[in-house]
C-alpha atoms as a PDB file:
ATOM      1  CA  UNK A   1      69.729 -26.513  -6.798  1.00  0.00           C
ATOM      2  CA  UNK A   2      70.648 -25.998  -3.043  1.00  0.00           C
ATOM      3  CA  UNK A   3      68.542 -23.843  -0.856  1.00  0.00           C
ATOM      4  CA  UNK A   4      69.147 -21.101   0.183  1.00  0.00           C
ATOM      5  CA  UNK A   5      70.418 -19.903  -3.166  1.00  0.00           C
ATOM      6  CA  UNK A   6      73.113 -17.463  -2.082  1.00  0.00           C
ATOM      7  CA  UNK A   7      73.650 -14.743  -4.502  1.00  0.00           C
ATOM      8  CA  UNK A   8      77.328 -13.642  -5.447  1.00  0.00           C
ATOM      9  CA  UNK A   9      77.566  -9.922  -5.454  1.00  0.00           C
ATOM     10  CA  UNK A  10      81.110  -8.594  -6.145  1.00  0.00           C
ATOM     11  CA  UNK A  11      83.308  -9.677  -3.230  1.00  0.00           C
ATOM     12  CA  UNK A  12      80.186 -10.623  -1.174  1.00  0.00           C
ATOM     13  CA  UNK A  13      77.688 -13.560  -0.952  1.00  0.00           C
ATOM     14  CA  UNK A  14      74.250 -12.168  -0.233  1.00  0.00           C
ATOM     15  CA  UNK A  15      71.247 -14.148   1.063  1.00  0.00           C
ATOM     16  CA  UNK A  16      68.394 -14.024  -1.439  1.00  0.00           C
ATOM     17  CA  UNK A  17      65.732 -12.845   0.844  1.00  0.00           C
ATOM     18  CA  UNK A  18      67.633  -9.679   1.787  1.00  0.00           C
ATOM     19  CA  UNK A  19      68.651  -9.048  -1.744  1.00  0.00           C
ATOM     20  CA  UNK A  20      65.236  -9.393  -3.455  1.00  0.00           C
ATOM     21  CA  UNK A  21      63.360  -7.758  -0.551  1.00  0.00           C
ATOM     22  CA  UNK A  22      65.581  -4.693  -0.786  1.00  0.00           C
ATOM     23  CA  UNK A  23      65.113  -4.664  -4.566  1.00  0.00           C
ATOM     24  CA  UNK A  24      61.366  -4.941  -4.106  1.00  0.00           C
ATOM     25  CA  UNK A  25      61.141  -1.863  -1.946  1.00  0.00           C
ATOM     26  CA  UNK A  26      63.524   0.103  -4.128  1.00  0.00           C
ATOM     27  CA  UNK A  27      61.769  -0.741  -7.346  1.00  0.00           C
ATOM     28  CA  UNK A  28      58.360  -0.404  -5.862  1.00  0.00           C
ATOM     29  CA  UNK A  29      59.240   3.282  -4.373  1.00  0.00           C
ATOM     30  CA  UNK A  30      60.879   4.461  -7.688  1.00  0.00           C
ATOM     31  CA  UNK A  31      57.943   3.125  -9.741  1.00  0.00           C
ATOM     32  CA  UNK A  32      55.620   5.202  -7.336  1.00  0.00           C
ATOM     33  CA  UNK A  33      57.736   8.363  -7.875  1.00  0.00           C
ATOM     34  CA  UNK A  34      57.693   7.830 -11.610  1.00  0.00           C
ATOM     35  CA  UNK A  35      53.998   7.510 -11.689  1.00  0.00           C
ATOM     36  CA  UNK A  36      53.359  10.361  -9.503  1.00  0.00           C
ATOM     37  CA  UNK A  37      55.469  12.449 -11.779  1.00  0.00           C
ATOM     38  CA  UNK A  38      53.662  11.324 -14.924  1.00  0.00           C
ATOM     39  CA  UNK A  39      50.022  11.203 -13.608  1.00  0.00           C
ATOM     40  CA  UNK A  40      50.350  14.154 -11.362  1.00  0.00           C
ATOM     41  CA  UNK A  41      49.137  14.274  -7.795  1.00  0.00           C
ATOM     42  CA  UNK A  42      46.225  16.440  -6.787  1.00  0.00           C
ATOM     43  CA  UNK A  43      47.297  16.241  -3.147  1.00  0.00           C
ATOM     44  CA  UNK A  44      49.648  18.839  -1.360  1.00  0.00           C
ATOM     45  CA  UNK A  45      52.841  17.706   0.102  1.00  0.00           C
ATOM     46  CA  UNK A  46      51.446  17.762   3.744  1.00  0.00           C
ATOM     47  CA  UNK A  47      48.448  15.434   2.842  1.00  0.00           C
ATOM     48  CA  UNK A  48      50.502  13.148   0.509  1.00  0.00           C
ATOM     49  CA  UNK A  49      53.369  12.414   2.984  1.00  0.00           C
ATOM     50  CA  UNK A  50      50.787  12.013   5.933  1.00  0.00           C
ATOM     51  CA  UNK A  51      49.273   9.340   3.761  1.00  0.00           C
ATOM     52  CA  UNK A  52      52.427   7.734   3.017  1.00  0.00           C
ATOM     53  CA  UNK A  53      53.644   7.809   6.487  1.00  0.00           C
ATOM     54  CA  UNK A  54      50.328   6.193   7.664  1.00  0.00           C
ATOM     55  CA  UNK A  55      50.627   3.586   4.972  1.00  0.00           C
ATOM     56  CA  UNK A  56      54.137   2.648   6.245  1.00  0.00           C
ATOM     57  CA  UNK A  57      53.396   2.626   9.822  1.00  0.00           C
ATOM     58  CA  UNK A  58      50.098   0.693   9.337  1.00  0.00           C
ATOM     59  CA  UNK A  59      51.865  -1.820   7.079  1.00  0.00           C
ATOM     60  CA  UNK A  60      54.623  -2.606   9.842  1.00  0.00           C
ATOM     61  CA  UNK A  61      51.929  -2.949  12.518  1.00  0.00           C
ATOM     62  CA  UNK A  62      49.478  -5.039  10.549  1.00  0.00           C
ATOM     63  CA  UNK A  63      52.331  -7.262   9.244  1.00  0.00           C
ATOM     64  CA  UNK A  64      53.601  -8.062  12.578  1.00  0.00           C
ATOM     65  CA  UNK A  65      50.142  -8.498  14.196  1.00  0.00           C
ATOM     66  CA  UNK A  66      49.081 -10.957  11.656  1.00  0.00           C
ATOM     67  CA  UNK A  67      52.356 -12.934  11.855  1.00  0.00           C
ATOM     68  CA  UNK A  68      51.902 -13.276  15.532  1.00  0.00           C
ATOM     69  CA  UNK A  69      48.169 -14.363  15.237  1.00  0.00           C
ATOM     70  CA  UNK A  70      49.156 -17.064  12.594  1.00  0.00           C
ATOM     71  CA  UNK A  71      50.692 -19.305  15.264  1.00  0.00           C
ATOM     72  CA  UNK A  72      49.623 -18.091  18.795  1.00  0.00           C
ATOM     73  CA  UNK A  73      51.441 -20.703  20.598  1.00  0.00           C
ATOM     74  CA  UNK A  74      54.678 -20.153  18.667  1.00  0.00           C
ATOM     75  CA  UNK A  75      54.298 -16.341  19.366  1.00  0.00           C
ATOM     76  CA  UNK A  76      53.994 -17.119  23.090  1.00  0.00           C
ATOM     77  CA  UNK A  77      57.025 -19.301  23.082  1.00  0.00           C
ATOM     78  CA  UNK A  78      59.196 -16.660  21.600  1.00  0.00           C
ATOM     79  CA  UNK A  79      58.224 -13.761  23.824  1.00  0.00           C
ATOM     80  CA  UNK A  80      61.850 -13.576  25.152  1.00  0.00           C
ATOM     81  CA  UNK A  81      63.162 -13.649  21.623  1.00  0.00           C
ATOM     82  CA  UNK A  82      62.463 -10.210  20.047  1.00  0.00           C
ATOM     83  CA  UNK A  83      64.398 -11.089  16.789  1.00  0.00           C
ATOM     84  CA  UNK A  84      62.065 -13.841  16.164  1.00  0.00           C
ATOM     85  CA  UNK A  85      58.832 -11.866  17.080  1.00  0.00           C
ATOM     86  CA  UNK A  86      59.824  -8.773  15.044  1.00  0.00           C
ATOM     87  CA  UNK A  87      61.551 -10.728  12.258  1.00  0.00           C
ATOM     88  CA  UNK A  88      58.385 -12.296  10.911  1.00  0.00           C
ATOM     89  CA  UNK A  89      56.233 -10.501   8.355  1.00  0.00           C
ATOM     90  CA  UNK A  90      52.930 -10.989   6.502  1.00  0.00           C
ATOM     91  CA  UNK A  91      52.302  -9.153   3.189  1.00  0.00           C
ATOM     92  CA  UNK A  92      48.457  -9.601   3.765  1.00  0.00           C
ATOM     93  CA  UNK A  93      48.836  -8.128   7.118  1.00  0.00           C
ATOM     94  CA  UNK A  94      50.907  -5.135   5.965  1.00  0.00           C
ATOM     95  CA  UNK A  95      48.436  -4.438   3.007  1.00  0.00           C
ATOM     96  CA  UNK A  96      45.423  -4.501   5.191  1.00  0.00           C
ATOM     97  CA  UNK A  97      47.121  -2.635   8.006  1.00  0.00           C
ATOM     98  CA  UNK A  98      48.534   0.006   5.725  1.00  0.00           C
ATOM     99  CA  UNK A  99      44.984   0.372   4.148  1.00  0.00           C
ATOM    100  CA  UNK A 100      43.227   0.927   7.419  1.00  0.00           C
ATOM    101  CA  UNK A 101      45.855   3.301   8.696  1.00  0.00           C
ATOM    102  CA  UNK A 102      45.467   5.471   5.470  1.00  0.00           C
ATOM    103  CA  UNK A 103      41.756   5.575   5.760  1.00  0.00           C
ATOM    104  CA  UNK A 104      41.841   6.665   9.458  1.00  0.00           C
ATOM    105  CA  UNK A 105      44.422   9.423   8.645  1.00  0.00           C
ATOM    106  CA  UNK A 106      42.261  10.478   5.524  1.00  0.00           C
ATOM    107  CA  UNK A 107      39.292  10.965   7.754  1.00  0.00           C
ATOM    108  CA  UNK A 108      41.224  12.758  10.296  1.00  0.00           C
ATOM    109  CA  UNK A 109      42.613  15.376   7.848  1.00  0.00           C
ATOM    110  CA  UNK A 110      39.419  15.475   5.808  1.00  0.00           C
ATOM    111  CA  UNK A 111      40.282  13.743   2.611  1.00  0.00           C
ATOM    112  CA  UNK A 112      37.351  11.970   0.859  1.00  0.00           C
ATOM    113  CA  UNK A 113      38.914  11.159  -2.418  1.00  0.00           C
ATOM    114  CA  UNK A 114      40.444   7.692  -3.261  1.00  0.00           C
ATOM    115  CA  UNK A 115      44.282   7.909  -3.017  1.00  0.00           C
ATOM    116  CA  UNK A 116      45.425   4.423  -3.533  1.00  0.00           C
ATOM    117  CA  UNK A 117      45.637   3.993  -7.426  1.00  0.00           C
ATOM    118  CA  UNK A 118      49.303   5.413  -7.531  1.00  0.00           C
ATOM    119  CA  UNK A 119      50.292   2.708  -5.137  1.00  0.00           C
ATOM    120  CA  UNK A 120      48.626  -0.392  -6.797  1.00  0.00           C
ATOM    121  CA  UNK A 121      51.104  -1.006  -9.713  1.00  0.00           C
ATOM    122  CA  UNK A 122      54.340  -0.437  -7.414  1.00  0.00           C
ATOM    123  CA  UNK A 123      52.853  -2.882  -4.967  1.00  0.00           C
ATOM    124  CA  UNK A 124      52.116  -5.629  -7.481  1.00  0.00           C
ATOM    125  CA  UNK A 125      55.621  -5.236  -8.918  1.00  0.00           C
ATOM    126  CA  UNK A 126      57.340  -4.997  -5.560  1.00  0.00           C
ATOM    127  CA  UNK A 127      55.548  -8.222  -4.353  1.00  0.00           C
ATOM    128  CA  UNK A 128      56.403 -10.089  -7.588  1.00  0.00           C
ATOM    129  CA  UNK A 129      60.140  -9.174  -7.058  1.00  0.00           C
ATOM    130  CA  UNK A 130      60.150  -9.867  -3.191  1.00  0.00           C
ATOM    131  CA  UNK A 131      58.640 -13.464  -3.644  1.00  0.00           C
ATOM    132  CA  UNK A 132      61.460 -14.540  -5.844  1.00  0.00           C
ATOM    133  CA  UNK A 133      63.615 -13.985  -2.714  1.00  0.00           C
ATOM    134  CA  UNK A 134      61.212 -16.014  -0.674  1.00  0.00           C
ATOM    135  CA  UNK A 135      61.401 -18.865  -3.060  1.00  0.00           C
ATOM    136  CA  UNK A 136      65.202 -18.831  -3.245  1.00  0.00           C
ATOM    137  CA  UNK A 137      65.347 -18.829   0.540  1.00  0.00           C
ATOM    138  CA  UNK A 138      63.959 -22.356   0.645  1.00  0.00           C
ATOM    139  CA  UNK A 139      62.271 -23.747   3.863  1.00  0.00           C
ATOM    140  CA  UNK A 140      63.430 -21.268   6.487  1.00  0.00           C
ATOM    141  CA  UNK A 141      61.405 -18.588   4.763  1.00  0.00           C
ATOM    142  CA  UNK A 142      58.038 -20.384   5.584  1.00  0.00           C
ATOM    143  CA  UNK A 143      56.337 -19.551   2.273  1.00  0.00           C
ATOM    144  CA  UNK A 144      56.563 -23.098   0.825  1.00  0.00           C
ATOM    145  CA  UNK A 145      53.504 -25.065  -0.289  1.00  0.00           C
ATOM    146  CA  UNK A 146      52.082 -28.594   0.405  1.00  0.00           C
ATOM    147  CA  UNK A 147      53.561 -31.787  -1.122  1.00  0.00           C
ATOM    148  CA  UNK A 148      52.495 -32.158  -4.715  1.00  0.00           C
ATOM    149  CA  UNK A 149      53.089 -34.709  -7.485  1.00  0.00           C
ATOM    150  CA  UNK A 150      52.879 -31.951 -10.229  1.00  0.00           C
ATOM    151  CA  UNK A 151      55.825 -31.759 -12.588  1.00  0.00           C
ATOM    152  CA  UNK A 152      56.811 -28.345 -11.507  1.00  0.00           C
ATOM    153  CA  UNK A 153      57.025 -29.170  -7.758  1.00  0.00           C
ATOM    154  CA  UNK A 154      60.319 -28.417  -6.141  1.00  0.00           C
ATOM    155  CA  UNK A 155      62.228 -30.136  -3.489  1.00  0.00           C
ATOM    156  CA  UNK A 156      63.410 -27.290  -1.070  1.00  0.00           C
ATOM    157  CA  UNK A 157      66.097 -29.550   0.599  1.00  0.00           C
ATOM    158  CA  UNK A 158      64.112 -31.911   2.779  1.00  0.00           C
ATOM    159  CA  UNK A 159      63.384 -34.529   0.176  1.00  0.00           C
ATOM    160  CA  UNK A 160      59.712 -33.567  -0.251  1.00  0.00           C
ATOM    161  CA  UNK A 161      58.443 -32.184  -3.614  1.00  0.00           C
ATOM    162  CA  UNK A 162      56.300 -29.105  -2.748  1.00  0.00           C
ATOM    163  CA  UNK A 163      54.156 -26.447  -4.512  1.00  0.00           C
ATOM    164  CA  UNK A 164      56.467 -23.496  -5.212  1.00  0.00           C
ATOM    165  CA  UNK A 165      53.749 -21.187  -3.779  1.00  0.00           C
ATOM    166  CA  UNK A 166      56.143 -18.189  -3.774  1.00  0.00           C
ATOM    167  CA  UNK A 167      56.748 -18.469  -7.367  1.00  0.00           C
ATOM    168  CA  UNK A 168      52.933 -18.789  -7.979  1.00  0.00           C
ATOM    169  CA  UNK A 169      52.565 -15.501  -6.339  1.00  0.00           C
ATOM    170  CA  UNK A 170      55.298 -13.844  -7.996  1.00  0.00           C
ATOM    171  CA  UNK A 171      53.711 -15.131 -11.556  1.00  0.00           C
ATOM    172  CA  UNK A 172      50.192 -14.034 -10.427  1.00  0.00           C
ATOM    173  CA  UNK A 173      51.644 -10.462  -9.460  1.00  0.00           C
ATOM    174  CA  UNK A 174      53.327  -9.930 -12.739  1.00  0.00           C
ATOM    175  CA  UNK A 175      50.150 -10.832 -14.463  1.00  0.00           C
ATOM    176  CA  UNK A 176      48.052  -8.668 -12.179  1.00  0.00           C
ATOM    177  CA  UNK A 177      50.416  -5.763 -12.860  1.00  0.00           C
ATOM    178  CA  UNK A 178      49.839  -6.123 -16.645  1.00  0.00           C
ATOM    179  CA  UNK A 179      46.090  -6.052 -16.176  1.00  0.00           C
ATOM    180  CA  UNK A 180      46.233  -3.028 -13.812  1.00  0.00           C
ATOM    181  CA  UNK A 181      48.374  -1.116 -16.370  1.00  0.00           C
ATOM    182  CA  UNK A 182      45.881  -1.905 -19.027  1.00  0.00           C
ATOM    183  CA  UNK A 183      42.710  -1.060 -17.053  1.00  0.00           C
ATOM    184  CA  UNK A 184      44.049   2.002 -15.331  1.00  0.00           C
ATOM    185  CA  UNK A 185      43.699   4.706 -18.269  1.00  0.00           C
ATOM    186  CA  UNK A 186      39.935   4.211 -18.393  1.00  0.00           C
ATOM    187  CA  UNK A 187      39.160   3.402 -14.738  1.00  0.00           C
ATOM    188  CA  UNK A 188      37.438   5.658 -12.303  1.00  0.00           C
ATOM    189  CA  UNK A 189      39.610   7.074  -9.444  1.00  0.00           C
ATOM    190  CA  UNK A 190      40.001   4.388  -6.803  1.00  0.00           C
ATOM    191  CA  UNK A 191      38.976   1.445  -8.836  1.00  0.00           C
ATOM    192  CA  UNK A 192      42.594   0.341  -9.707  1.00  0.00           C
ATOM    193  CA  UNK A 193      43.409  -0.006  -6.021  1.00  0.00           C
ATOM    194  CA  UNK A 194      40.157  -1.713  -5.310  1.00  0.00           C
ATOM    195  CA  UNK A 195      40.918  -4.111  -8.147  1.00  0.00           C
ATOM    196  CA  UNK A 196      44.468  -4.705  -6.818  1.00  0.00           C
ATOM    197  CA  UNK A 197      43.325  -5.431  -3.283  1.00  0.00           C
ATOM    198  CA  UNK A 198      40.351  -7.585  -4.281  1.00  0.00           C
ATOM    199  CA  UNK A 199      42.624  -9.780  -6.816  1.00  0.00           C
ATOM    200  CA  UNK A 200      45.376 -10.215  -4.223  1.00  0.00           C
ATOM    201  CA  UNK A 201      43.093 -10.977  -1.416  1.00  0.00           C
ATOM    202  CA  UNK A 202      41.366 -13.532  -3.422  1.00  0.00           C
ATOM    203  CA  UNK A 203      44.596 -15.158  -4.774  1.00  0.00           C
ATOM    204  CA  UNK A 204      45.819 -15.475  -1.131  1.00  0.00           C
ATOM    205  CA  UNK A 205      42.582 -16.941   0.058  1.00  0.00           C
ATOM    206  CA  UNK A 206      43.069 -19.744  -2.462  1.00  0.00           C
ATOM    207  CA  UNK A 207      46.861 -20.232  -2.584  1.00  0.00           C
ATOM    208  CA  UNK A 208      47.148 -20.403   1.189  1.00  0.00           C
ATOM    209  CA  UNK A 209      44.886 -23.443   1.017  1.00  0.00           C
ATOM    210  CA  UNK A 210      47.900 -25.375  -0.336  1.00  0.00           C
ATOM    211  CA  UNK A 211      50.274 -24.125   2.376  1.00  0.00           C
ATOM    212  CA  UNK A 212      50.872 -25.954   5.583  1.00  0.00           C
ATOM    213  CA  UNK A 213      49.446 -23.283   7.660  1.00  0.00           C
ATOM    214  CA  UNK A 214      47.821 -23.547  11.133  1.00  0.00           C
ATOM    215  CA  UNK A 215      44.114 -23.351  10.907  1.00  0.00           C
ATOM    216  CA  UNK A 216      42.537 -20.799  13.144  1.00  0.00           C
ATOM    217  CA  UNK A 217      38.816 -21.688  12.824  1.00  0.00           C
ATOM    218  CA  UNK A 218      36.658 -23.695  10.405  1.00  0.00           C
ATOM    219  CA  UNK A 219      39.810 -25.015   8.646  1.00  0.00           C
ATOM    220  CA  UNK A 220      41.021 -21.675   7.510  1.00  0.00           C
ATOM    221  CA  UNK A 221      44.314 -19.752   8.728  1.00  0.00           C
ATOM    222  CA  UNK A 222      44.349 -16.458  10.209  1.00  0.00           C
ATOM    223  CA  UNK A 223      45.505 -14.988   6.875  1.00  0.00           C
ATOM    224  CA  UNK A 224      42.702 -16.557   5.064  1.00  0.00           C
ATOM    225  CA  UNK A 225      40.305 -15.086   7.444  1.00  0.00           C
ATOM    226  CA  UNK A 226      41.796 -11.614   6.935  1.00  0.00           C
ATOM    227  CA  UNK A 227      41.358 -12.180   3.275  1.00  0.00           C
ATOM    228  CA  UNK A 228      37.809 -12.967   3.750  1.00  0.00           C
ATOM    229  CA  UNK A 229      37.357  -9.809   5.744  1.00  0.00           C
ATOM    230  CA  UNK A 230      38.891  -7.661   3.206  1.00  0.00           C
ATOM    231  CA  UNK A 231      36.718  -9.441   0.397  1.00  0.00           C
ATOM    232  CA  UNK A 232      33.590  -8.975   2.447  1.00  0.00           C
ATOM    233  CA  UNK A 233      34.490  -5.100   2.564  1.00  0.00           C
ATOM    234  CA  UNK A 234      34.955  -4.954  -1.127  1.00  0.00           C
ATOM    235  CA  UNK A 235      31.907  -7.049  -2.023  1.00  0.00           C
ATOM    236  CA  UNK A 236      29.829  -3.855  -2.342  1.00  0.00           C
ATOM    237  CA  UNK A 237      32.163  -2.619  -5.056  1.00  0.00           C
ATOM    238  CA  UNK A 238      32.468  -6.075  -6.841  1.00  0.00           C
ATOM    239  CA  UNK A 239      28.713  -6.142  -7.296  1.00  0.00           C
ATOM    240  CA  UNK A 240      28.160  -2.760  -8.396  1.00  0.00           C
ATOM    241  CA  UNK A 241      28.365  -1.529 -12.101  1.00  0.00           C
ATOM    242  CA  UNK A 242      31.914  -0.025 -11.407  1.00  0.00           C
ATOM    243  CA  UNK A 243      33.282  -3.267 -10.020  1.00  0.00           C
ATOM    244  CA  UNK A 244      31.634  -5.375 -12.874  1.00  0.00           C
ATOM    245  CA  UNK A 245      33.037  -2.973 -15.607  1.00  0.00           C
ATOM    246  CA  UNK A 246      36.573  -3.303 -13.874  1.00  0.00           C
ATOM    247  CA  UNK A 247      36.299  -7.052 -13.780  1.00  0.00           C
ATOM    248  CA  UNK A 248      35.270  -7.336 -17.228  1.00  0.00           C
ATOM    249  CA  UNK A 249      37.951  -5.145 -18.490  1.00  0.00           C
ATOM    250  CA  UNK A 250      40.455  -7.228 -16.611  1.00  0.00           C
ATOM    251  CA  UNK A 251      39.069 -10.364 -18.161  1.00  0.00           C
ATOM    252  CA  UNK A 252      39.617  -8.792 -21.553  1.00  0.00           C
ATOM    253  CA  UNK A 253      43.258  -8.026 -21.138  1.00  0.00           C
END
């Protein structure tokens, strides 16, 4: 297999990152709309779209900020290359940035109820789809793992057999989507999104340990530190009865 794996689409040949990222957004949004129709939405049009807008803006800002912090020296070198600066993204930064923005807007407009459950499953499916494009893009995507001797290691074109960490993430998100779908019918409002966030942040904290990232402090990358921060926030939920019930239900799936 030669990377990047270009995808023939009619008369065109499409880069896998563009194709699968676009598919991830479309599938995730359509799944969100489907779930909203089936489950109902207690929010009015105004509050709902305020929350969706906050999530989108927060995701863009958080994604870029964490990308810049990942390698400060590279960010400074590319200050006069806006395509490089604004082309990089971080899923962890997008999730945390979107979550913070939504919580701020909810406080501003006076919403106290949890609103994230409708987004959890679409996010899991969207990430699973998008990471396939990351893997097929090869080394330039920057989501590859460290060298490995495991039989499923992949040579992305530089002669080094590496952990296919993008595929690990895609498979993990598929499994998590199944768990969320099974847990959701009996979960309290808000618990599904918390389970999604806690699971994803834990996964990224671990899997980024087998990526050649730049340590920021104590041997951990900026992404891992953000994951730790998010997990510290959710620690209260994970140690309460509600969190243990959700975790037990997930283990039984």
